[in-house]
Protein backbone atom coordinates (compact mmCIF):
# COMPACT_ATOMS: atom_id res chain seq x y z
CA MET A 1 0.20 4.59 -14.38
CA ALA A 2 -2.56 6.00 -12.23
CA ILE A 3 -3.28 6.85 -8.63
CA LEU A 4 -6.20 4.68 -7.53
CA ASN A 5 -8.91 5.65 -5.04
CA ILE A 6 -8.29 4.03 -1.64
CA LEU A 7 -11.46 2.92 0.15
CA GLU A 8 -11.73 4.25 3.69
CA TYR A 9 -13.13 2.54 6.77
CA PRO A 10 -16.01 1.87 7.40
CA ASP A 11 -16.73 1.41 3.66
CA PRO A 12 -18.50 -1.98 3.40
CA ARG A 13 -16.45 -2.92 0.32
CA LEU A 14 -13.46 -3.36 2.66
CA ARG A 15 -15.31 -6.42 4.04
CA THR A 16 -15.33 -8.18 0.65
CA GLN A 17 -13.41 -11.47 0.54
CA ALA A 18 -10.95 -11.40 -2.35
CA ALA A 19 -11.14 -14.16 -4.95
CA PRO A 20 -8.05 -16.22 -5.81
CA MET A 21 -6.29 -15.36 -9.07
CA THR A 22 -6.31 -17.91 -11.86
CA GLU A 23 -3.95 -18.44 -14.76
CA ALA A 24 -6.37 -16.47 -16.95
CA ASP A 25 -5.90 -13.40 -14.70
CA PHE A 26 -2.24 -12.99 -15.70
CA THR A 27 -2.80 -10.41 -18.43
CA PRO A 28 -1.37 -7.00 -19.34
CA ALA A 29 -4.33 -5.52 -17.41
CA LEU A 30 -3.08 -7.27 -14.25
CA GLN A 31 0.42 -5.88 -14.78
CA GLN A 32 -1.12 -2.40 -15.09
CA GLN A 33 -3.16 -2.96 -11.90
CA ILE A 34 0.03 -3.95 -10.04
CA ASP A 35 1.90 -0.87 -11.31
CA ASP A 36 -1.03 1.39 -10.39
CA MET A 37 -1.20 -0.14 -6.92
CA PHE A 38 2.52 0.50 -6.35
CA GLU A 39 2.15 4.09 -7.53
CA THR A 40 -0.87 4.56 -5.24
CA MET A 41 0.92 2.99 -2.25
CA TYR A 42 4.07 5.10 -2.71
CA ASP A 43 2.01 8.26 -3.22
CA ALA A 44 -0.15 7.70 -0.11
CA PRO A 45 2.58 7.07 1.37
CA GLY A 46 2.38 3.52 2.67
CA ILE A 47 4.35 0.27 2.89
CA GLY A 48 1.60 -2.13 1.80
CA LEU A 49 -1.62 -2.13 -0.18
CA ALA A 50 -4.12 -4.92 -0.75
CA ALA A 51 -6.26 -4.96 -3.88
CA THR A 52 -9.40 -4.92 -1.70
CA GLN A 53 -8.43 -1.42 -0.56
CA VAL A 54 -8.69 -0.13 -4.14
CA ASP A 55 -11.97 -1.96 -4.82
CA PHE A 56 -10.30 -4.75 -6.84
CA HIS A 57 -11.39 -7.95 -5.16
CA LYS A 58 -8.70 -10.40 -6.19
CA GLN A 59 -5.93 -11.85 -3.99
CA LEU A 60 -3.23 -9.31 -4.82
CA ILE A 61 -0.94 -7.37 -2.48
CA VAL A 62 1.92 -4.95 -3.11
CA ILE A 63 4.49 -4.26 -0.38
CA ASP A 64 7.71 -2.31 -0.01
CA VAL A 65 8.98 -1.91 3.55
CA SER A 66 12.40 -0.57 2.47
CA GLU A 67 13.42 2.95 3.49
CA THR A 68 14.56 3.62 -0.08
CA ARG A 69 11.37 2.26 -1.71
CA ASP A 70 13.32 0.03 -4.04
CA GLN A 71 12.32 -3.45 -2.86
CA PRO A 72 8.84 -3.95 -4.32
CA LEU A 73 7.18 -7.24 -3.49
CA VAL A 74 4.10 -8.58 -5.28
CA LEU A 75 2.04 -11.28 -3.56
CA ILE A 76 -0.65 -13.09 -5.50
CA ASN A 77 -2.79 -15.72 -3.74
CA PRO A 78 -0.64 -15.36 -0.61
CA SER A 79 -0.77 -17.68 2.37
CA TYR A 80 1.39 -17.85 5.44
CA GLU A 81 1.90 -19.68 8.68
CA PRO A 82 3.79 -18.66 11.80
CA VAL A 83 7.22 -20.28 12.10
CA ASP A 84 6.90 -20.51 15.88
CA GLU A 85 4.80 -19.24 18.78
CA GLN A 86 6.67 -15.93 19.15
CA ARG A 87 4.41 -12.89 18.82
CA CYS A 88 4.90 -9.17 19.33
CA MET A 89 2.93 -5.96 19.50
CA MET A 90 3.66 -3.41 16.80
CA GLN A 91 2.04 -0.10 16.01
CA GLU A 92 -0.02 -0.36 12.83
CA GLY A 93 -1.58 2.20 10.58
CA CYS A 94 -3.60 1.65 7.44
CA LEU A 95 -4.15 3.61 4.26
CA SER A 96 -7.86 2.80 4.64
CA VAL A 97 -7.89 4.24 8.18
CA PRO A 98 -5.87 7.45 7.73
CA GLU A 99 -4.34 9.19 10.72
CA TYR A 100 -5.12 6.37 13.16
CA TYR A 101 -2.56 4.02 14.70
CA ALA A 102 -2.87 1.23 17.24
CA GLU A 103 -0.84 -1.63 18.69
CA VAL A 104 -1.66 -5.01 17.16
CA GLU A 105 -0.19 -8.38 18.14
CA ARG A 106 0.99 -10.64 15.33
CA ALA A 107 3.49 -13.43 14.67
CA VAL A 108 7.12 -12.25 14.61
CA THR A 109 8.23 -14.70 11.90
CA ILE A 110 6.12 -16.28 9.17
CA ARG A 111 6.65 -18.62 6.24
CA LEU A 112 5.04 -16.97 3.19
CA LYS A 113 3.90 -18.73 0.00
CA ALA A 114 2.65 -16.73 -2.98
CA LEU A 115 2.87 -16.19 -6.70
CA ASP A 116 4.90 -13.31 -8.11
CA ARG A 117 3.54 -10.83 -10.67
CA HIS A 118 4.14 -13.34 -13.47
CA GLY A 119 2.49 -16.29 -11.71
CA LYS A 120 5.71 -17.95 -10.58
CA PRO A 121 5.38 -19.55 -7.12
CA PHE A 122 7.83 -18.60 -4.39
CA GLU A 123 8.33 -19.02 -0.66
CA MET A 124 10.16 -16.83 1.80
CA GLU A 125 10.57 -16.34 5.51
CA CYS A 126 9.48 -12.92 6.74
CA THR A 127 10.31 -11.36 10.10
CA ASP A 128 9.53 -8.23 12.07
CA LEU A 129 8.06 -5.34 10.01
CA LEU A 130 7.74 -7.36 6.79
CA ALA A 131 5.99 -10.22 8.62
CA HIS A 132 3.65 -7.75 10.32
CA CYS A 133 2.89 -6.05 7.01
CA VAL A 134 2.20 -9.33 5.18
CA GLN A 135 -0.22 -10.40 7.93
CA HIS A 136 -1.97 -7.00 7.89
CA GLU A 137 -2.39 -7.04 4.09
CA CYS A 138 -3.52 -10.69 4.01
CA ASP A 139 -6.22 -9.72 6.52
CA HIS A 140 -7.54 -7.19 3.98
CA LEU A 141 -7.98 -9.99 1.44
CA LYS A 142 -10.22 -11.73 4.01
CA GLY A 143 -12.28 -8.59 4.66
CA ILE A 144 -10.54 -7.83 7.96
CA VAL A 145 -9.36 -4.32 8.89
CA PHE A 146 -6.76 -3.88 11.65
CA VAL A 147 -9.23 -2.01 13.86
CA ASP A 148 -11.13 -5.32 14.15
CA TYR A 149 -8.42 -6.36 16.64
CA LEU A 150 -9.26 -3.44 18.94
CA SER A 151 -11.83 -3.26 21.71
CA LYS A 152 -15.42 -2.47 20.74
CA LEU A 153 -15.07 0.96 22.37
CA LYS A 154 -11.99 1.82 20.28
CA GLN A 155 -13.67 0.48 17.12
CA ASP A 156 -16.65 2.77 17.74
CA ARG A 157 -14.34 5.75 18.28
CA VAL A 158 -12.49 5.06 15.03
CA ARG A 159 -15.75 4.60 13.11
CA LYS A 160 -17.11 7.94 14.42
CA LYS A 161 -13.83 9.71 13.66
CA MET A 162 -13.80 8.35 10.10
CA GLU A 163 -17.48 9.18 9.52
CA LYS A 164 -16.81 12.75 10.70
CA ARG A 165 -13.79 12.93 8.36
CA HIS A 166 -15.95 11.80 5.42
CA LYS A 167 -18.64 14.42 6.19
CA LEU A 168 -16.00 17.18 6.28
CA GLN A 169 -14.61 16.03 2.91
CA ALA A 170 -18.06 15.94 1.27
């Protein structure tokens, strides 16, 4: 396994729309990509990672919201819909926007449809943190970063902070 490089905002590659996976994509290389993404997410540390964030532009997400990090969830070609109108604000962070957190409103409960790591379809109802995380990671597959939900002023502040961070690391 390997720790992958996580793209950081405002890297334009984070705006790439991920392509759906096809039957031909289910190869040993995909299994390795999934394992590497889990290792990267756990190392970061985070609770979710979309393939877009590691410059792999396919519809693939890894998630583990458990405290013990023993409930890995692989989502391939995920889609979801809110179960009802109930929404809530929750503080979000992002591995692509390190050290920045903001309140984002999302559906409390969603109905998720996806393929597992072997291409088997499944459905599940997700609530609270898991629902929030799924929605956040699905946004990445569409080229959306959570700061896009913030005011223009806050977006500009985050962009400047991240650009300064990148200059200091160079």
